[in-house]
Amino acid sequence: MKSQFLEGARPYLKQLVAQLQHTFPYVSVLGTDVTSKRIAVNRATSSISDGNLSECGFVVKMHSGRCFFEYSFDSLDKTPSQLAKQILESVRPDAAVEAGAITCPLPDDAPAKQSFDRQSDFDSYSDARLVAFAEKLRDDTLSMDDGLLNVFVLLSPYEVNKLFISANRELDQHYGWCNGTLMAVYRDGKTVQVREGAYSHLLADVLQQLPQKREKLLHKAKMLVRATPIKPGVYDIITDSSITGLIAHEAFGHGVEMDQFVKDRALAKAYMHKPVASTVCNMRDGAAATLSAASYFFDDDGVLAQNTQIIKDGILVSGICDVVSACQLGVRPTGNGRRQDFSRKAYTRMTNTFFDAGTSKLEDMIASVKHGYMIFETNNGMEDPKNWQIQCTAEYGIEIVDGKLTENYVSPVVISGSVTELLSSISMVSDCAEVHGSGMCGKGYKEWVTVSDGGPSLKARAKLA
């Protein structure tokens, strides 16, 4: 449902922009109204709580021609004139800041007026109905095997409403998303924790898909209690779409966030339009690139969502950027300006980051491996954008011997090494791709936003431990 709060605030915000334009040549305001909740069920408890994405407030961005200023607030208890006066008094820079400021162009404020609405079915499901679904799924799963110590069902729906106003732009958007997770603790000598997920902009999809994950969840648990540590070494690997996405996210996701170019903190800045991967590699990012958790209609800078190709046939062809970085670097913003919430600064952030599908069949890729592993399921990852080192942790791997998957599971599995060496070793890319929509990503250790990643299966050569 569209936010009546933001609609009611629209005339007020237009007046506020007009007042501040007497002082600043560029002014914009972003209004946010995000509602989220978390339905959580396990053997012992059932609960409904606010999700961690909920927020409601406003942030003003101003540009003097030399400095950007931002001011956030969550109350409209003053008149637009009174608030404008308060803002101007608060953002006046001291002499040292003013002296060190650089000159850069004003953000593009081309005229645009549009309303975006991605329909959802969230209003069709009461909290009681969602709890009942989760409790039944828990009970049905627990009944499958005596080794299941506990089963967790999590549903995390959220609805986003945002309003962006500047001198020439007036945009609003409404959309929803739901992440569903089925997780279990299983014991057979050893105790393991396993999970499966379902994601969609429709609750009906999540509720239909999640129960179908039970058999896979139990099979995985039974295999992982027998899993052994991997012998460290360099192997031929096949990645599942989750691990492909983790590599995309860590390798040339953070590495091409162009606010790091401004600070000379990313090696990718020196490799634009140069080979960084094998010629079968194509990678992209964008809120308009696919429909997933990080898909929106415009970013928090009021830039329309885009589909940005980052790597084309192994060549690094583009980075991603927010409005401030774009102004400083003299490039066009790519619709990647994102805030954790209205009280936080906008940074360049990834959205949906993934490798494009290739032409190989997965069965042929596996058959081409004499000895190696197929690697599954993202755990976590890290990247050093300045030195292009990467570490990706997977939940498990399955050994491949003479072109066939075996029953030998290893867990956990850590992929590490040089970004360019890993990407240059990719020799085959499958013709089927999937994007996973449940992720959250921080800028360093904070500034969390929703992201997704994925792609096809990749055949590569990698260091495993």
Protein backbone atom coordinates (compact mmCIF):
# COMPACT_ATOMS: atom_id res chain seq x y z
CA MET A 1 0.00 0.00 0.00
CA LYS A 2 1.30 3.46 -0.90
CA SER A 3 2.31 5.66 2.02
CA GLN A 4 -0.35 8.20 2.94
CA PHE A 5 2.20 9.82 5.24
CA LEU A 6 4.54 10.65 2.36
CA GLU A 7 1.70 11.77 0.14
CA GLY A 8 0.55 14.14 2.87
CA ALA A 9 4.09 15.50 3.22
CA ARG A 10 4.58 16.14 -0.50
CA PRO A 11 3.38 19.82 -0.57
CA TYR A 12 5.43 20.58 2.56
CA LEU A 13 8.61 19.12 1.03
CA LYS A 14 8.14 21.06 -2.20
CA GLN A 15 7.91 24.27 -0.19
CA LEU A 16 11.02 23.31 1.79
CA VAL A 17 13.02 22.73 -1.41
CA ALA A 18 11.88 26.12 -2.75
CA GLN A 19 12.95 27.86 0.48
CA LEU A 20 16.43 26.29 0.48
CA GLN A 21 16.97 27.11 -3.20
CA HIS A 22 17.34 30.75 -2.24
CA THR A 23 20.71 29.71 -0.75
CA PHE A 24 21.79 26.55 -2.61
CA PRO A 25 21.76 26.02 -6.39
CA TYR A 26 20.90 22.33 -5.89
CA VAL A 27 18.47 20.98 -3.30
CA SER A 28 16.72 17.62 -3.04
CA VAL A 29 14.78 15.84 -0.35
CA LEU A 30 14.18 12.12 0.10
CA GLY A 31 11.25 10.90 2.19
CA THR A 32 11.18 7.27 3.37
CA ASP A 33 8.44 5.15 4.91
CA VAL A 34 9.53 1.50 5.20
CA THR A 35 7.63 -1.12 7.18
CA SER A 36 9.11 -4.53 7.91
CA LYS A 37 8.31 -7.41 10.18
CA ARG A 38 9.75 -10.76 11.19
CA ILE A 39 7.73 -13.89 11.81
CA ALA A 40 9.94 -16.41 13.61
CA VAL A 41 8.93 -19.91 14.66
CA ASN A 42 10.92 -22.79 16.17
CA ARG A 43 10.25 -25.81 18.37
CA ALA A 44 9.83 -23.66 21.49
CA THR A 45 8.48 -20.29 20.40
CA SER A 46 6.48 -18.31 17.84
CA SER A 47 6.92 -14.56 17.55
CA ILE A 48 6.10 -11.49 15.47
CA SER A 49 8.35 -8.45 15.71
CA ASP A 50 9.39 -5.36 13.79
CA GLY A 51 11.98 -6.07 11.14
CA ASN A 52 15.33 -4.29 11.06
CA LEU A 53 14.52 -2.37 7.85
CA SER A 54 11.71 -0.21 9.28
CA GLU A 55 12.26 3.54 9.06
CA CYS A 56 10.31 6.77 8.54
CA GLY A 57 11.83 10.20 7.95
CA PHE A 58 13.47 12.66 5.58
CA VAL A 59 16.91 13.79 4.43
CA VAL A 60 17.79 16.95 2.53
CA LYS A 61 20.83 17.06 0.22
CA MET A 62 22.23 20.45 -0.80
CA HIS A 63 25.14 21.43 -3.04
CA SER A 64 26.78 24.84 -3.02
CA GLY A 65 29.00 24.25 -6.06
CA ARG A 66 31.85 23.24 -3.77
CA CYS A 67 30.36 21.33 -0.85
CA PHE A 68 27.55 18.79 -0.38
CA PHE A 69 25.50 19.11 2.79
CA GLU A 70 22.90 16.74 4.25
CA TYR A 71 20.36 17.21 7.01
CA SER A 72 17.95 14.54 8.25
CA PHE A 73 14.77 14.94 10.29
CA ASP A 74 11.72 12.90 11.25
CA SER A 75 9.17 15.54 12.25
CA LEU A 76 7.16 18.14 10.33
CA ASP A 77 6.27 20.19 13.42
CA LYS A 78 7.78 23.40 12.03
CA THR A 79 6.69 25.42 9.02
CA PRO A 80 8.81 24.96 5.86
CA SER A 81 10.32 28.41 6.43
CA GLN A 82 11.22 27.62 10.04
CA LEU A 83 12.78 24.30 9.12
CA ALA A 84 14.73 25.86 6.22
CA LYS A 85 16.16 28.45 8.63
CA GLN A 86 17.15 25.70 11.09
CA ILE A 87 18.81 23.70 8.32
CA LEU A 88 20.78 26.67 7.04
CA GLU A 89 22.04 27.43 10.55
CA SER A 90 23.10 23.80 11.03
CA VAL A 91 25.00 23.25 7.79
CA ARG A 92 27.11 26.41 7.74
CA PRO A 93 30.71 25.12 7.32
CA ASP A 94 33.62 26.51 9.26
CA ALA A 95 36.44 28.31 7.47
CA ALA A 96 38.76 25.28 7.38
CA VAL A 97 36.17 23.09 5.65
CA GLU A 98 35.31 25.81 3.16
CA ALA A 99 38.99 26.39 2.33
CA GLY A 100 39.57 22.69 1.63
CA ALA A 101 36.49 22.18 -0.51
CA ILE A 102 36.85 21.31 -4.19
CA THR A 103 34.85 22.64 -7.10
CA CYS A 104 32.65 20.11 -8.87
CA PRO A 105 29.58 20.27 -11.11
CA LEU A 106 26.07 20.37 -9.74
CA PRO A 107 24.15 17.08 -9.92
CA ASP A 108 22.07 16.58 -13.04
CA ASP A 109 18.50 17.63 -12.29
CA ALA A 110 16.82 16.86 -15.60
CA PRO A 111 13.02 17.16 -15.37
CA ALA A 112 11.18 13.98 -14.41
CA LYS A 113 7.85 13.31 -12.76
CA GLN A 114 6.81 9.71 -12.32
CA SER A 115 5.12 7.34 -9.90
CA PHE A 116 6.25 3.70 -9.66
CA ASP A 117 4.29 0.88 -8.08
CA ARG A 118 5.22 -2.81 -8.04
CA GLN A 119 2.08 -4.63 -7.01
CA SER A 120 2.30 -7.10 -4.12
CA ASP A 121 -0.08 -9.42 -2.26
CA PHE A 122 1.06 -8.55 1.26
CA ASP A 123 -2.35 -7.16 2.27
CA SER A 124 -3.90 -10.58 1.57
CA TYR A 125 -2.02 -12.28 4.43
CA SER A 126 -2.74 -11.58 8.09
CA ASP A 127 -0.11 -12.08 10.76
CA ALA A 128 -2.13 -14.99 12.15
CA ARG A 129 -2.15 -16.70 8.76
CA LEU A 130 1.62 -16.33 8.37
CA VAL A 131 2.27 -17.67 11.87
CA ALA A 132 -0.02 -20.63 11.20
CA PHE A 133 1.87 -21.38 7.97
CA ALA A 134 5.23 -21.21 9.74
CA GLU A 135 4.10 -23.44 12.61
CA LYS A 136 2.74 -26.09 10.24
CA LEU A 137 5.94 -26.05 8.19
CA ARG A 138 7.96 -26.43 11.40
CA ASP A 139 5.85 -29.38 12.57
CA ASP A 140 5.85 -31.08 9.15
CA THR A 141 9.63 -30.77 8.95
CA LEU A 142 10.27 -31.98 12.50
CA SER A 143 8.21 -35.09 11.81
CA MET A 144 10.51 -36.16 8.96
CA ASP A 145 13.41 -37.47 11.04
CA ASP A 146 14.21 -38.07 14.70
CA GLY A 147 17.63 -36.50 14.15
CA LEU A 148 16.07 -33.06 13.73
CA LEU A 149 16.66 -31.29 17.05
CA ASN A 150 15.04 -28.02 16.03
CA VAL A 151 13.50 -26.39 12.98
CA PHE A 152 13.29 -22.64 12.39
CA VAL A 153 10.94 -20.91 9.95
CA LEU A 154 11.56 -17.22 9.29
CA LEU A 155 9.43 -14.91 7.13
CA SER A 156 10.70 -11.35 6.62
CA PRO A 157 8.35 -9.26 4.47
CA TYR A 158 8.93 -5.55 3.99
CA GLU A 159 7.32 -2.71 2.02
CA VAL A 160 9.22 0.33 0.79
CA ASN A 161 7.77 3.76 0.03
CA LYS A 162 10.06 6.60 -1.02
CA LEU A 163 9.46 10.11 -2.32
CA PHE A 164 12.15 12.20 -4.03
CA ILE A 165 11.70 15.92 -4.75
CA SER A 166 14.10 18.47 -6.25
CA ALA A 167 13.59 21.60 -8.31
CA ASN A 168 12.83 19.58 -11.45
CA ARG A 169 12.18 16.04 -10.26
CA GLU A 170 9.24 14.50 -8.44
CA LEU A 171 9.43 10.71 -8.07
CA ASP A 172 7.74 8.23 -5.79
CA GLN A 173 7.99 4.45 -5.55
CA HIS A 174 6.28 1.58 -3.75
CA TYR A 175 7.41 -2.04 -3.75
CA GLY A 176 7.67 -5.05 -1.47
CA TRP A 177 9.86 -8.09 -0.96
CA CYS A 178 9.85 -11.17 1.27
CA ASN A 179 12.70 -13.44 2.33
CA GLY A 180 11.74 -16.86 3.64
CA THR A 181 14.15 -19.21 5.43
CA LEU A 182 13.78 -22.84 6.51
CA MET A 183 16.59 -23.83 8.88
CA ALA A 184 17.27 -26.97 10.91
CA VAL A 185 19.63 -28.29 13.56
CA TYR A 186 20.37 -31.97 12.95
CA ARG A 187 22.34 -34.49 14.98
CA ASP A 188 23.68 -37.90 14.06
CA GLY A 189 26.88 -38.23 16.05
CA LYS A 190 27.86 -34.73 14.90
CA THR A 191 25.52 -31.72 15.01
CA VAL A 192 25.09 -29.48 11.95
CA GLN A 193 22.95 -26.52 11.02
CA VAL A 194 21.48 -26.31 7.51
CA ARG A 195 19.23 -23.85 5.70
CA GLU A 196 17.20 -23.31 2.55
CA GLY A 197 15.53 -20.14 1.30
CA ALA A 198 12.77 -18.78 -0.91
CA TYR A 199 12.46 -15.17 -2.03
CA SER A 200 9.92 -13.13 -4.01
CA HIS A 201 7.99 -9.89 -4.27
CA LEU A 202 4.87 -12.05 -3.73
CA LEU A 203 4.19 -13.79 -0.44
CA ALA A 204 2.26 -16.47 -2.33
CA ASP A 205 5.49 -17.51 -4.08
CA VAL A 206 7.42 -17.82 -0.82
CA LEU A 207 4.67 -19.79 0.90
CA GLN A 208 4.43 -22.13 -2.07
CA GLN A 209 8.18 -22.69 -2.49
CA LEU A 210 9.40 -23.00 1.10
CA PRO A 211 7.67 -26.32 1.94
CA GLN A 212 9.21 -27.83 -1.20
CA LYS A 213 12.67 -27.30 0.33
CA ARG A 214 12.19 -29.84 3.17
CA GLU A 215 13.55 -32.93 1.41
CA LYS A 216 16.64 -31.08 0.17
CA LEU A 217 17.20 -29.64 3.64
CA LEU A 218 17.10 -33.06 5.31
CA HIS A 219 19.30 -34.71 2.68
CA LYS A 220 21.89 -31.96 3.07
CA ALA A 221 21.87 -32.38 6.85
CA LYS A 222 22.43 -36.14 6.58
CA MET A 223 25.37 -35.61 4.24
CA LEU A 224 26.98 -32.80 6.26
CA VAL A 225 27.13 -34.80 9.49
CA ARG A 226 29.47 -37.11 7.54
CA ALA A 227 31.46 -34.28 5.94
CA THR A 228 35.21 -34.10 6.51
CA PRO A 229 37.69 -31.20 6.29
CA ILE A 230 39.12 -30.57 2.84
CA LYS A 231 42.80 -31.19 2.18
CA PRO A 232 44.19 -27.72 1.34
CA GLY A 233 45.38 -27.29 -2.22
CA VAL A 234 44.70 -25.92 -5.67
CA TYR A 235 41.79 -27.63 -7.44
CA ASP A 236 39.51 -27.42 -10.42
CA ILE A 237 36.18 -26.22 -9.05
CA ILE A 238 32.60 -25.82 -10.21
CA THR A 239 30.61 -23.19 -8.34
CA ASP A 240 26.88 -23.26 -7.74
CA SER A 241 25.01 -20.00 -8.40
CA SER A 242 25.30 -18.92 -4.77
CA ILE A 243 29.11 -19.15 -4.78
CA THR A 244 29.25 -17.54 -8.23
CA GLY A 245 27.32 -14.64 -6.74
CA LEU A 246 29.64 -14.43 -3.75
CA ILE A 247 32.62 -14.19 -6.12
CA ALA A 248 30.87 -11.47 -8.13
CA HIS A 249 29.99 -9.55 -4.99
CA GLU A 250 33.43 -9.71 -3.44
CA ALA A 251 35.60 -9.61 -6.58
CA PHE A 252 34.18 -6.74 -8.61
CA GLY A 253 31.30 -5.59 -6.48
CA HIS A 254 33.00 -3.65 -3.70
CA GLY A 255 36.04 -3.21 -5.94
CA VAL A 256 34.15 -1.05 -8.45
CA GLU A 257 32.19 1.10 -5.99
CA MET A 258 33.50 4.39 -7.31
CA ASP A 259 33.43 6.35 -4.07
CA GLN A 260 36.55 4.22 -3.45
CA PHE A 261 37.99 5.58 -6.73
CA VAL A 262 37.68 9.11 -5.33
CA LYS A 263 39.80 8.09 -2.35
CA ASP A 264 42.25 5.96 -4.40
CA ARG A 265 41.27 2.94 -2.32
CA ALA A 266 40.45 0.60 -5.23
CA LEU A 267 42.93 -0.97 -7.64
CA ALA A 268 40.14 -1.25 -10.21
CA LYS A 269 40.51 2.47 -10.94
CA ALA A 270 43.79 1.74 -12.76
CA TYR A 271 42.33 -1.18 -14.73
CA MET A 272 39.35 0.43 -16.42
CA HIS A 273 39.02 -0.83 -20.03
CA LYS A 274 41.69 -3.48 -19.40
CA PRO A 275 41.43 -7.29 -19.10
CA VAL A 276 40.67 -8.48 -15.58
CA ALA A 277 39.08 -11.87 -16.27
CA SER A 278 38.88 -14.59 -18.91
CA THR A 279 37.03 -13.75 -22.12
CA VAL A 280 34.03 -15.91 -21.16
CA CYS A 281 33.27 -13.63 -18.18
CA ASN A 282 30.49 -11.05 -18.25
CA MET A 283 29.28 -9.40 -15.06
CA ARG A 284 26.75 -6.70 -14.23
CA ASP A 285 25.04 -4.82 -11.43
CA GLY A 286 21.84 -2.84 -11.29
CA ALA A 287 18.48 -2.43 -9.61
CA ALA A 288 16.95 -2.76 -13.09
CA ALA A 289 19.13 -5.74 -14.09
CA THR A 290 16.79 -8.34 -12.58
CA LEU A 291 13.92 -8.62 -10.10
CA SER A 292 15.35 -9.45 -6.70
CA ALA A 293 15.81 -8.07 -3.19
CA ALA A 294 17.80 -5.03 -4.36
CA SER A 295 15.49 -4.05 -7.23
CA TYR A 296 13.97 -0.57 -7.02
CA PHE A 297 12.81 2.11 -9.44
CA PHE A 298 15.13 4.96 -8.37
CA ASP A 299 17.97 5.22 -5.89
CA ASP A 300 18.26 7.47 -2.84
CA ASP A 301 19.77 10.22 -5.02
CA GLY A 302 16.72 10.24 -7.30
CA VAL A 303 18.58 8.50 -10.17
CA LEU A 304 16.52 5.97 -12.10
CA ALA A 305 17.53 2.32 -11.68
CA GLN A 306 19.94 1.00 -14.30
CA ASN A 307 21.52 -2.18 -15.62
CA THR A 308 25.28 -1.59 -15.61
CA GLN A 309 27.67 -3.96 -17.34
CA ILE A 310 30.85 -4.13 -15.24
CA ILE A 311 32.85 -6.79 -17.12
CA LYS A 312 32.34 -7.47 -20.83
CA ASP A 313 34.19 -10.41 -22.38
CA GLY A 314 36.79 -10.19 -19.61
CA ILE A 315 37.30 -6.40 -19.89
CA LEU A 316 36.48 -4.07 -16.99
CA VAL A 317 34.20 -1.57 -18.73
CA SER A 318 32.42 0.30 -15.94
CA GLY A 319 32.17 0.95 -12.25
CA ILE A 320 29.09 1.90 -10.23
CA CYS A 321 28.56 5.21 -8.47
CA ASP A 322 26.31 7.53 -6.50
CA VAL A 323 25.66 11.20 -7.31
CA VAL A 324 28.44 12.64 -5.15
CA SER A 325 31.11 10.31 -6.58
CA ALA A 326 29.84 10.94 -10.10
CA CYS A 327 30.17 14.71 -9.65
CA GLN A 328 33.70 14.38 -8.29
CA LEU A 329 34.82 11.96 -11.03
CA GLY A 330 33.02 13.67 -13.90
CA VAL A 331 30.92 10.63 -14.85
CA ARG A 332 27.20 9.85 -14.93
CA PRO A 333 25.69 8.24 -11.80
CA THR A 334 24.58 4.64 -12.24
CA GLY A 335 21.67 4.56 -9.78
CA ASN A 336 23.72 3.05 -6.94
CA GLY A 337 23.36 5.78 -4.31
CA ARG A 338 21.92 4.02 -1.26
CA ARG A 339 21.38 4.75 2.44
CA GLN A 340 20.92 2.35 5.33
CA ASP A 341 18.16 4.72 6.42
CA PHE A 342 17.21 8.38 6.15
CA SER A 343 19.60 9.36 8.97
CA ARG A 344 22.65 7.88 7.21
CA LYS A 345 24.88 9.15 4.43
CA ALA A 346 24.35 7.89 0.88
CA TYR A 347 27.22 5.77 -0.43
CA THR A 348 27.90 3.92 -3.66
CA ARG A 349 26.46 0.48 -3.01
CA MET A 350 25.90 -2.69 -4.98
CA THR A 351 22.37 -3.81 -5.83
CA ASN A 352 21.89 -7.04 -7.82
CA THR A 353 25.41 -8.19 -8.76
CA PHE A 354 25.85 -11.28 -10.91
CA PHE A 355 27.62 -13.04 -13.76
CA ASP A 356 25.72 -13.45 -17.02
CA ALA A 357 24.90 -16.96 -18.22
CA GLY A 358 27.26 -18.61 -20.71
CA THR A 359 26.87 -21.46 -23.18
CA SER A 360 28.12 -24.59 -21.39
CA LYS A 361 25.97 -27.36 -19.94
CA LEU A 362 26.53 -28.02 -16.24
CA GLU A 363 26.83 -31.76 -16.81
CA ASP A 364 29.61 -31.14 -19.36
CA MET A 365 31.41 -28.87 -16.91
CA ILE A 366 31.35 -31.53 -14.20
CA ALA A 367 32.40 -34.21 -16.70
CA SER A 368 35.47 -32.13 -17.64
CA VAL A 369 36.90 -32.27 -14.10
CA LYS A 370 39.33 -35.14 -13.42
CA HIS A 371 39.57 -34.31 -9.72
CA GLY A 372 38.14 -31.34 -7.92
CA TYR A 373 35.07 -30.06 -6.09
CA MET A 374 31.69 -28.52 -6.74
CA ILE A 375 31.27 -25.75 -4.18
CA PHE A 376 27.90 -24.83 -2.68
CA GLU A 377 26.15 -22.24 -0.56
CA THR A 378 27.53 -18.89 0.53
CA ASN A 379 28.61 -18.48 4.12
CA ASN A 380 30.55 -15.19 4.04
CA GLY A 381 33.23 -13.35 2.12
CA MET A 382 35.82 -10.59 2.29
CA GLU A 383 37.68 -8.50 -0.26
CA ASP A 384 40.58 -6.09 -0.23
CA PRO A 385 39.73 -3.62 -3.05
CA LYS A 386 43.15 -1.96 -2.83
CA ASN A 387 45.15 -5.14 -3.36
CA TRP A 388 42.62 -7.40 -5.09
CA GLN A 389 42.75 -10.28 -2.65
CA ILE A 390 39.60 -12.26 -1.98
CA GLN A 391 38.27 -14.81 0.50
CA CYS A 392 34.97 -16.63 -0.01
CA THR A 393 33.65 -19.18 2.49
CA ALA A 394 31.22 -21.88 1.35
CA GLU A 395 29.13 -24.15 3.54
CA TYR A 396 30.26 -27.31 1.75
CA GLY A 397 31.76 -28.93 -1.32
CA ILE A 398 31.20 -32.26 -3.07
CA GLU A 399 34.20 -34.07 -4.47
CA ILE A 400 34.34 -34.73 -8.23
CA VAL A 401 36.31 -37.77 -9.41
CA ASP A 402 36.68 -38.71 -13.09
CA GLY A 403 33.93 -36.33 -14.14
CA LYS A 404 31.32 -37.52 -11.62
CA LEU A 405 29.97 -36.13 -8.36
CA THR A 406 30.71 -38.47 -5.47
CA GLU A 407 29.14 -38.92 -2.02
CA ASN A 408 32.19 -37.30 -0.39
CA TYR A 409 31.21 -34.00 1.24
CA VAL A 410 33.75 -31.54 2.66
CA SER A 411 32.88 -28.66 4.98
CA PRO A 412 33.54 -25.81 5.33
CA VAL A 413 35.40 -24.70 2.18
CA VAL A 414 37.36 -21.45 1.86
CA ILE A 415 38.34 -20.03 -1.55
CA SER A 416 41.16 -17.49 -1.38
CA GLY A 417 43.69 -15.75 -3.57
CA SER A 418 44.02 -13.03 -6.18
CA VAL A 419 40.84 -11.66 -7.78
CA THR A 420 42.34 -11.49 -11.27
CA GLU A 421 43.96 -14.92 -11.03
CA LEU A 422 40.66 -16.47 -9.98
CA LEU A 423 38.59 -14.71 -12.67
CA SER A 424 41.21 -15.33 -15.36
CA SER A 425 41.09 -19.06 -14.59
CA ILE A 426 37.38 -19.33 -15.45
CA SER A 427 37.13 -21.60 -18.49
CA MET A 428 33.44 -22.55 -18.66
CA VAL A 429 30.19 -20.77 -17.78
CA SER A 430 26.88 -22.62 -17.61
CA ASP A 431 23.82 -21.65 -19.61
CA CYS A 432 21.51 -21.50 -16.56
CA ALA A 433 21.69 -18.67 -14.02
CA GLU A 434 19.96 -17.83 -10.76
CA VAL A 435 20.02 -14.71 -8.57
CA HIS A 436 19.64 -15.10 -4.80
CA GLY A 437 17.67 -12.43 -2.99
CA SER A 438 18.18 -12.64 0.77
CA GLY A 439 21.44 -10.78 1.36
CA MET A 440 22.51 -7.84 3.46
CA CYS A 441 25.81 -6.06 2.84
CA GLY A 442 27.75 -3.55 4.89
CA LYS A 443 30.14 -0.85 3.79
CA GLY A 444 33.06 -2.12 5.79
CA TYR A 445 31.48 -2.97 9.14
CA LYS A 446 28.35 -0.77 8.94
CA GLU A 447 25.83 0.90 6.57
CA TRP A 448 23.77 -2.21 5.83
CA VAL A 449 21.59 -2.43 2.72
CA THR A 450 19.77 -5.24 0.94
CA VAL A 451 21.66 -6.89 -1.92
CA SER A 452 21.37 -9.94 -4.13
CA ASP A 453 23.90 -11.83 -6.20
CA GLY A 454 24.23 -14.99 -8.26
CA GLY A 455 24.73 -16.14 -11.81
CA PRO A 456 25.51 -19.40 -13.60
CA SER A 457 27.89 -22.16 -12.52
CA LEU A 458 31.55 -21.41 -13.24
CA LYS A 459 34.47 -23.75 -13.84
CA ALA A 460 37.68 -22.27 -12.44
CA ARG A 461 40.98 -23.12 -10.81
CA ALA A 462 41.20 -22.05 -7.16
CA LYS A 463 43.05 -22.40 -3.88
CA LEU A 464 40.86 -24.22 -1.33
CA ALA A 465 41.31 -24.74 2.38
